[in-house]
Protein backbone atom coordinates (compact mmCIF):
# COMPACT_ATOMS: atom_id res chain seq x y z
CA MET A 1 -2.68 2.57 25.53
CA ALA A 2 -0.22 0.63 23.33
CA LYS A 3 0.38 1.71 19.77
CA THR A 4 -0.28 -0.73 16.99
CA GLN A 5 2.73 -1.02 14.76
CA THR A 6 2.46 -1.99 11.15
CA PRO A 7 5.34 -3.90 9.61
CA LYS A 8 7.59 -1.85 7.35
CA ALA A 9 7.71 -2.86 3.74
CA ARG A 10 11.05 -4.28 2.67
CA ALA A 11 12.97 -1.88 0.47
CA PRO A 12 13.48 -3.15 -3.08
CA ARG A 13 16.91 -4.58 -3.86
CA VAL A 14 18.92 -5.38 -6.95
CA GLY A 15 17.58 -8.65 -8.36
CA ASP A 16 13.98 -8.03 -7.24
CA TRP A 17 11.27 -8.03 -9.89
CA ILE A 18 8.81 -5.21 -10.63
CA GLU A 19 5.41 -5.77 -12.19
CA THR A 20 3.31 -2.87 -13.42
CA ARG A 21 -0.33 -3.13 -14.33
CA GLY A 22 -1.32 -2.57 -17.93
CA VAL A 23 -2.64 0.82 -18.95
CA HIS A 24 -5.60 1.29 -21.33
CA GLY A 25 -5.79 -2.29 -22.57
CA GLN A 26 -2.06 -2.99 -22.56
CA SER A 27 -0.69 -6.08 -20.83
CA PRO A 28 1.28 -5.78 -17.57
CA ARG A 29 5.05 -5.26 -17.76
CA ARG A 30 7.64 -7.14 -15.76
CA GLY A 31 11.29 -6.30 -15.20
CA GLU A 32 14.28 -6.95 -12.97
CA ILE A 33 15.88 -4.21 -10.85
CA VAL A 34 19.50 -3.99 -11.98
CA GLU A 35 20.53 -0.79 -10.15
CA LEU A 36 19.25 1.31 -7.23
CA LEU A 37 19.29 5.07 -7.86
CA GLY A 38 18.41 8.11 -5.79
CA ARG A 39 18.32 8.33 -2.02
CA PRO A 40 15.91 7.00 0.63
CA GLY A 41 12.50 8.56 0.12
CA HIS A 42 13.31 9.40 -3.50
CA GLN A 43 14.47 6.06 -4.84
CA HIS A 44 14.15 4.99 -8.41
CA TYR A 45 15.62 2.09 -10.29
CA ARG A 46 17.27 0.98 -13.51
CA VAL A 47 15.08 -1.89 -14.70
CA ARG A 48 15.72 -4.49 -17.41
CA TRP A 49 12.28 -5.23 -18.82
CA ASP A 50 11.12 -8.54 -20.29
CA GLU A 51 11.30 -6.87 -23.72
CA GLN A 52 15.11 -6.79 -23.19
CA HIS A 53 15.52 -3.04 -22.89
CA GLU A 54 16.45 -0.98 -19.85
CA SER A 55 14.94 2.22 -18.52
CA ILE A 56 14.88 4.35 -15.38
CA PHE A 57 11.73 3.58 -13.40
CA TYR A 58 10.08 5.76 -10.74
CA PRO A 59 7.71 3.68 -8.57
CA SER A 60 4.03 4.63 -8.38
CA ASP A 61 0.65 3.13 -7.47
CA GLY A 62 -0.17 -0.19 -9.05
CA VAL A 63 3.38 -1.53 -8.88
CA ILE A 64 4.20 -4.84 -7.25
CA VAL A 65 7.76 -5.58 -6.12
CA GLN A 66 8.54 -9.27 -5.78
CA PRO A 67 11.71 -10.37 -3.98
CA ARG A 68 14.21 -12.20 -6.14
CA PRO A 69 13.88 -15.97 -5.98
CA LYS A 70 16.06 -17.61 -3.37
CA ARG A 71 18.85 -19.76 -4.72
CA GLN A 72 18.55 -23.43 -3.99
CA ARG A 73 21.58 -25.07 -2.52
CA THR A 74 22.98 -28.05 -4.30
CA ALA A 75 24.00 -31.17 -2.43
CA LYS A 76 27.70 -31.98 -2.42
């Protein structure tokens, strides 16, 4: 019997965006990953939030990681 394999989630990278859901009536937060910290299995990130401050962020449930937008090439 063949095993069903589920695709692995892509590991977050510098430049990706994090969105956290709001807690107790607060609006969601959004920030850009500016540095990867820790080691595989225990990763955390330095994030620059929309409010223009940075903090160390430990991922948890309710967090969405969106890949950074791809750059569009310009015609020469």
